[in-house]
């Protein structure tokens, strides 16, 4: 078993003065964000938000997957979400590599065959962003119940720019 003592210690420090005790769990700023899992992205701080303001869903490439859509529907209907930002980013590995390249890197790291594992790359990031925005705005359980925008986060400047 690997050692998690550093993280458990940090958690104990965090919990000793836990600021969100009793929080109701809704998005107080009415915001939901779908973005990439990339650790260079700090979704709350990049928008001037704080814990409790937004619902955040992260995955490779920041795509609106079936799981992300489920989260958005729940957010809109149960968690006070009325604005949705879809935010992929610059220099994204899944938007700058082919599936074969990613699979090769995973196989090399794992030392085993990964041909059976799908890796969903993004061939055209802006086209995919447009598809994702349309997927949300045309969904019968979301539609015009929330304002939806497509943005790109620049990992080198920290700025987001609205594309859709």
C-alpha atoms as a PDB file:
ATOM      1  CA  UNK A   1       0.000   0.000   0.000  1.00  0.00           C
ATOM      2  CA  UNK A   2       1.269   3.450  -0.855  1.00  0.00           C
ATOM      3  CA  UNK A   3       1.645   6.115   1.765  1.00  0.00           C
ATOM      4  CA  UNK A   4      -0.967   8.880   1.896  1.00  0.00           C
ATOM      5  CA  UNK A   5       0.203  10.369   5.199  1.00  0.00           C
ATOM      6  CA  UNK A   6       1.080  13.765   3.678  1.00  0.00           C
ATOM      7  CA  UNK A   7      -2.398  14.124   2.187  1.00  0.00           C
ATOM      8  CA  UNK A   8      -4.143  12.881   5.313  1.00  0.00           C
ATOM      9  CA  UNK A   9      -2.135  15.349   7.383  1.00  0.00           C
ATOM     10  CA  UNK A  10      -3.057  18.193   5.054  1.00  0.00           C
ATOM     11  CA  UNK A  11      -6.695  17.111   5.272  1.00  0.00           C
ATOM     12  CA  UNK A  12      -6.598  17.140   9.072  1.00  0.00           C
ATOM     13  CA  UNK A  13      -5.265  20.712   8.979  1.00  0.00           C
ATOM     14  CA  UNK A  14      -7.978  21.716   6.496  1.00  0.00           C
ATOM     15  CA  UNK A  15     -10.722  20.076   8.546  1.00  0.00           C
ATOM     16  CA  UNK A  16      -9.549  21.681  11.795  1.00  0.00           C
ATOM     17  CA  UNK A  17     -11.022  24.989  10.628  1.00  0.00           C
ATOM     18  CA  UNK A  18     -13.505  23.736   8.019  1.00  0.00           C
ATOM     19  CA  UNK A  19     -15.292  26.746   6.495  1.00  0.00           C
ATOM     20  CA  UNK A  20     -18.028  24.860   4.635  1.00  0.00           C
ATOM     21  CA  UNK A  21     -19.636  23.014   7.520  1.00  0.00           C
ATOM     22  CA  UNK A  22     -23.398  23.047   7.087  1.00  0.00           C
ATOM     23  CA  UNK A  23     -23.192  24.246   3.484  1.00  0.00           C
ATOM     24  CA  UNK A  24     -26.347  23.506   1.496  1.00  0.00           C
ATOM     25  CA  UNK A  25     -24.566  22.208  -1.634  1.00  0.00           C
ATOM     26  CA  UNK A  26     -26.204  24.427  -4.249  1.00  0.00           C
ATOM     27  CA  UNK A  27     -24.243  26.596  -6.672  1.00  0.00           C
ATOM     28  CA  UNK A  28     -24.567  30.010  -5.013  1.00  0.00           C
ATOM     29  CA  UNK A  29     -23.317  31.888  -8.085  1.00  0.00           C
ATOM     30  CA  UNK A  30     -25.548  29.734 -10.305  1.00  0.00           C
ATOM     31  CA  UNK A  31     -22.522  28.495 -12.266  1.00  0.00           C
ATOM     32  CA  UNK A  32     -21.568  25.089 -13.630  1.00  0.00           C
ATOM     33  CA  UNK A  33     -18.216  24.512 -15.319  1.00  0.00           C
ATOM     34  CA  UNK A  34     -17.200  21.622 -17.545  1.00  0.00           C
ATOM     35  CA  UNK A  35     -13.441  21.672 -17.984  1.00  0.00           C
ATOM     36  CA  UNK A  36     -10.398  19.470 -18.359  1.00  0.00           C
ATOM     37  CA  UNK A  37      -8.732  17.491 -15.603  1.00  0.00           C
ATOM     38  CA  UNK A  38      -5.479  19.391 -16.268  1.00  0.00           C
ATOM     39  CA  UNK A  39      -3.953  20.556 -12.982  1.00  0.00           C
ATOM     40  CA  UNK A  40      -3.015  23.922 -14.504  1.00  0.00           C
ATOM     41  CA  UNK A  41      -6.702  24.872 -14.369  1.00  0.00           C
ATOM     42  CA  UNK A  42      -8.083  26.305 -11.133  1.00  0.00           C
ATOM     43  CA  UNK A  43     -11.773  26.605 -12.102  1.00  0.00           C
ATOM     44  CA  UNK A  44     -12.969  28.683  -9.167  1.00  0.00           C
ATOM     45  CA  UNK A  45     -10.105  31.156  -9.030  1.00  0.00           C
ATOM     46  CA  UNK A  46      -9.971  31.676 -12.797  1.00  0.00           C
ATOM     47  CA  UNK A  47     -13.509  33.101 -12.597  1.00  0.00           C
ATOM     48  CA  UNK A  48     -13.241  34.909  -9.273  1.00  0.00           C
ATOM     49  CA  UNK A  49     -15.456  32.352  -7.552  1.00  0.00           C
ATOM     50  CA  UNK A  50     -15.148  30.670  -4.182  1.00  0.00           C
ATOM     51  CA  UNK A  51     -16.120  27.256  -2.800  1.00  0.00           C
ATOM     52  CA  UNK A  52     -19.881  26.890  -2.924  1.00  0.00           C
ATOM     53  CA  UNK A  53     -20.341  29.144  -5.951  1.00  0.00           C
ATOM     54  CA  UNK A  54     -20.148  26.555  -8.737  1.00  0.00           C
ATOM     55  CA  UNK A  55     -20.574  22.946  -9.737  1.00  0.00           C
ATOM     56  CA  UNK A  56     -17.474  21.659 -11.502  1.00  0.00           C
ATOM     57  CA  UNK A  57     -17.171  18.625 -13.765  1.00  0.00           C
ATOM     58  CA  UNK A  58     -13.722  17.652 -15.028  1.00  0.00           C
ATOM     59  CA  UNK A  59     -12.602  15.101 -17.589  1.00  0.00           C
ATOM     60  CA  UNK A  60      -9.861  14.700 -20.213  1.00  0.00           C
ATOM     61  CA  UNK A  61     -10.421  17.436 -22.789  1.00  0.00           C
ATOM     62  CA  UNK A  62     -13.266  19.141 -20.925  1.00  0.00           C
ATOM     63  CA  UNK A  63     -15.891  17.458 -23.107  1.00  0.00           C
ATOM     64  CA  UNK A  64     -19.622  17.207 -22.488  1.00  0.00           C
ATOM     65  CA  UNK A  65     -19.745  13.441 -22.046  1.00  0.00           C
ATOM     66  CA  UNK A  66     -22.896  11.595 -20.943  1.00  0.00           C
ATOM     67  CA  UNK A  67     -21.636  11.884 -17.362  1.00  0.00           C
ATOM     68  CA  UNK A  68     -21.041  15.627 -17.728  1.00  0.00           C
ATOM     69  CA  UNK A  69     -24.533  16.038 -19.210  1.00  0.00           C
ATOM     70  CA  UNK A  70     -26.005  14.185 -16.231  1.00  0.00           C
ATOM     71  CA  UNK A  71     -24.182  16.566 -13.881  1.00  0.00           C
ATOM     72  CA  UNK A  72     -25.407  19.596 -15.829  1.00  0.00           C
ATOM     73  CA  UNK A  73     -29.025  18.421 -15.796  1.00  0.00           C
ATOM     74  CA  UNK A  74     -28.869  17.846 -12.040  1.00  0.00           C
ATOM     75  CA  UNK A  75     -27.197  21.217 -11.605  1.00  0.00           C
ATOM     76  CA  UNK A  76     -29.862  23.062 -13.586  1.00  0.00           C
ATOM     77  CA  UNK A  77     -32.824  21.361 -11.952  1.00  0.00           C
ATOM     78  CA  UNK A  78     -31.664  20.700  -8.405  1.00  0.00           C
ATOM     79  CA  UNK A  79     -28.612  22.825  -7.624  1.00  0.00           C
ATOM     80  CA  UNK A  80     -29.366  26.416  -8.700  1.00  0.00           C
ATOM     81  CA  UNK A  81     -27.313  26.382 -11.937  1.00  0.00           C
ATOM     82  CA  UNK A  82     -28.388  28.962 -14.518  1.00  0.00           C
ATOM     83  CA  UNK A  83     -25.066  29.571 -16.327  1.00  0.00           C
ATOM     84  CA  UNK A  84     -22.919  26.844 -17.863  1.00  0.00           C
ATOM     85  CA  UNK A  85     -19.357  27.356 -19.049  1.00  0.00           C
ATOM     86  CA  UNK A  86     -17.673  24.710 -21.198  1.00  0.00           C
ATOM     87  CA  UNK A  87     -13.949  25.372 -20.964  1.00  0.00           C
ATOM     88  CA  UNK A  88     -11.284  23.318 -22.751  1.00  0.00           C
ATOM     89  CA  UNK A  89      -7.760  24.739 -22.731  1.00  0.00           C
ATOM     90  CA  UNK A  90      -4.679  25.449 -24.787  1.00  0.00           C
ATOM     91  CA  UNK A  91      -1.865  22.900 -24.992  1.00  0.00           C
ATOM     92  CA  UNK A  92      -4.230  20.045 -24.061  1.00  0.00           C
ATOM     93  CA  UNK A  93      -2.737  16.581 -24.517  1.00  0.00           C
ATOM     94  CA  UNK A  94      -5.966  15.066 -25.842  1.00  0.00           C
ATOM     95  CA  UNK A  95      -6.339  17.924 -28.339  1.00  0.00           C
ATOM     96  CA  UNK A  96      -2.755  17.781 -29.573  1.00  0.00           C
ATOM     97  CA  UNK A  97      -2.163  14.028 -29.842  1.00  0.00           C
ATOM     98  CA  UNK A  98      -3.691  11.205 -31.798  1.00  0.00           C
ATOM     99  CA  UNK A  99      -5.335   8.287 -30.053  1.00  0.00           C
ATOM    100  CA  UNK A 100      -2.470   6.072 -31.261  1.00  0.00           C
ATOM    101  CA  UNK A 101       0.112   8.441 -29.742  1.00  0.00           C
ATOM    102  CA  UNK A 102      -1.655   8.523 -26.378  1.00  0.00           C
ATOM    103  CA  UNK A 103      -2.132   4.745 -26.404  1.00  0.00           C
ATOM    104  CA  UNK A 104       1.570   4.268 -27.182  1.00  0.00           C
ATOM    105  CA  UNK A 105       2.562   6.511 -24.262  1.00  0.00           C
ATOM    106  CA  UNK A 106       0.198   4.664 -21.900  1.00  0.00           C
ATOM    107  CA  UNK A 107       1.458   1.261 -23.081  1.00  0.00           C
ATOM    108  CA  UNK A 108       5.056   2.359 -22.567  1.00  0.00           C
ATOM    109  CA  UNK A 109       4.268   3.594 -19.054  1.00  0.00           C
ATOM    110  CA  UNK A 110       2.128   0.575 -18.123  1.00  0.00           C
ATOM    111  CA  UNK A 111       4.301  -2.049 -19.763  1.00  0.00           C
ATOM    112  CA  UNK A 112       1.171  -3.835 -20.997  1.00  0.00           C
ATOM    113  CA  UNK A 113      -1.076  -3.754 -24.060  1.00  0.00           C
ATOM    114  CA  UNK A 114      -3.604  -0.895 -23.975  1.00  0.00           C
ATOM    115  CA  UNK A 115      -5.142  -1.463 -27.408  1.00  0.00           C
ATOM    116  CA  UNK A 116      -8.498  -2.245 -25.808  1.00  0.00           C
ATOM    117  CA  UNK A 117      -8.703   1.057 -23.885  1.00  0.00           C
ATOM    118  CA  UNK A 118     -10.365   3.935 -25.731  1.00  0.00           C
ATOM    119  CA  UNK A 119      -8.820   7.383 -25.407  1.00  0.00           C
ATOM    120  CA  UNK A 120     -11.092  10.114 -26.706  1.00  0.00           C
ATOM    121  CA  UNK A 121      -8.930  12.654 -28.479  1.00  0.00           C
ATOM    122  CA  UNK A 122     -10.143  16.006 -29.785  1.00  0.00           C
ATOM    123  CA  UNK A 123      -9.160  16.501 -33.409  1.00  0.00           C
ATOM    124  CA  UNK A 124     -10.565  20.031 -33.736  1.00  0.00           C
ATOM    125  CA  UNK A 125     -10.975  21.756 -30.382  1.00  0.00           C
ATOM    126  CA  UNK A 126     -13.165  24.647 -31.559  1.00  0.00           C
ATOM    127  CA  UNK A 127     -15.442  22.357 -33.576  1.00  0.00           C
ATOM    128  CA  UNK A 128     -15.764  20.054 -30.559  1.00  0.00           C
ATOM    129  CA  UNK A 129     -16.533  23.047 -28.348  1.00  0.00           C
ATOM    130  CA  UNK A 130     -19.297  24.112 -30.721  1.00  0.00           C
ATOM    131  CA  UNK A 131     -20.709  20.577 -30.702  1.00  0.00           C
ATOM    132  CA  UNK A 132     -20.666  20.494 -26.904  1.00  0.00           C
ATOM    133  CA  UNK A 133     -22.397  23.863 -26.557  1.00  0.00           C
ATOM    134  CA  UNK A 134     -25.055  22.733 -29.036  1.00  0.00           C
ATOM    135  CA  UNK A 135     -25.435  19.413 -27.201  1.00  0.00           C
ATOM    136  CA  UNK A 136     -26.270  21.292 -23.994  1.00  0.00           C
ATOM    137  CA  UNK A 137     -28.447  24.030 -25.481  1.00  0.00           C
ATOM    138  CA  UNK A 138     -30.482  21.533 -27.490  1.00  0.00           C
ATOM    139  CA  UNK A 139     -30.950  19.039 -24.669  1.00  0.00           C
ATOM    140  CA  UNK A 140     -34.648  18.855 -23.735  1.00  0.00           C
ATOM    141  CA  UNK A 141     -33.857  18.955 -20.016  1.00  0.00           C
ATOM    142  CA  UNK A 142     -31.655  22.048 -20.300  1.00  0.00           C
ATOM    143  CA  UNK A 143     -32.462  24.048 -23.438  1.00  0.00           C
ATOM    144  CA  UNK A 144     -33.043  27.679 -22.469  1.00  0.00           C
ATOM    145  CA  UNK A 145     -33.130  26.981 -18.727  1.00  0.00           C
ATOM    146  CA  UNK A 146     -29.456  28.026 -18.546  1.00  0.00           C
ATOM    147  CA  UNK A 147     -27.175  30.390 -20.419  1.00  0.00           C
ATOM    148  CA  UNK A 148     -24.442  28.288 -22.072  1.00  0.00           C
ATOM    149  CA  UNK A 149     -21.098  29.542 -23.337  1.00  0.00           C
ATOM    150  CA  UNK A 150     -18.036  27.954 -24.898  1.00  0.00           C
ATOM    151  CA  UNK A 151     -14.671  29.289 -23.787  1.00  0.00           C
ATOM    152  CA  UNK A 152     -10.985  28.396 -24.110  1.00  0.00           C
ATOM    153  CA  UNK A 153      -8.635  28.759 -21.140  1.00  0.00           C
ATOM    154  CA  UNK A 154      -5.071  29.797 -21.936  1.00  0.00           C
ATOM    155  CA  UNK A 155      -2.773  27.849 -19.610  1.00  0.00           C
ATOM    156  CA  UNK A 156       0.046  30.326 -20.207  1.00  0.00           C
ATOM    157  CA  UNK A 157      -1.801  33.580 -19.457  1.00  0.00           C
ATOM    158  CA  UNK A 158      -4.652  32.427 -17.197  1.00  0.00           C
ATOM    159  CA  UNK A 159      -7.201  34.180 -19.422  1.00  0.00           C
ATOM    160  CA  UNK A 160     -10.358  32.644 -20.800  1.00  0.00           C
ATOM    161  CA  UNK A 161     -11.847  33.825 -24.068  1.00  0.00           C
ATOM    162  CA  UNK A 162     -15.397  33.221 -25.177  1.00  0.00           C
ATOM    163  CA  UNK A 163     -15.571  31.408 -28.498  1.00  0.00           C
ATOM    164  CA  UNK A 164     -19.278  30.492 -28.580  1.00  0.00           C
END
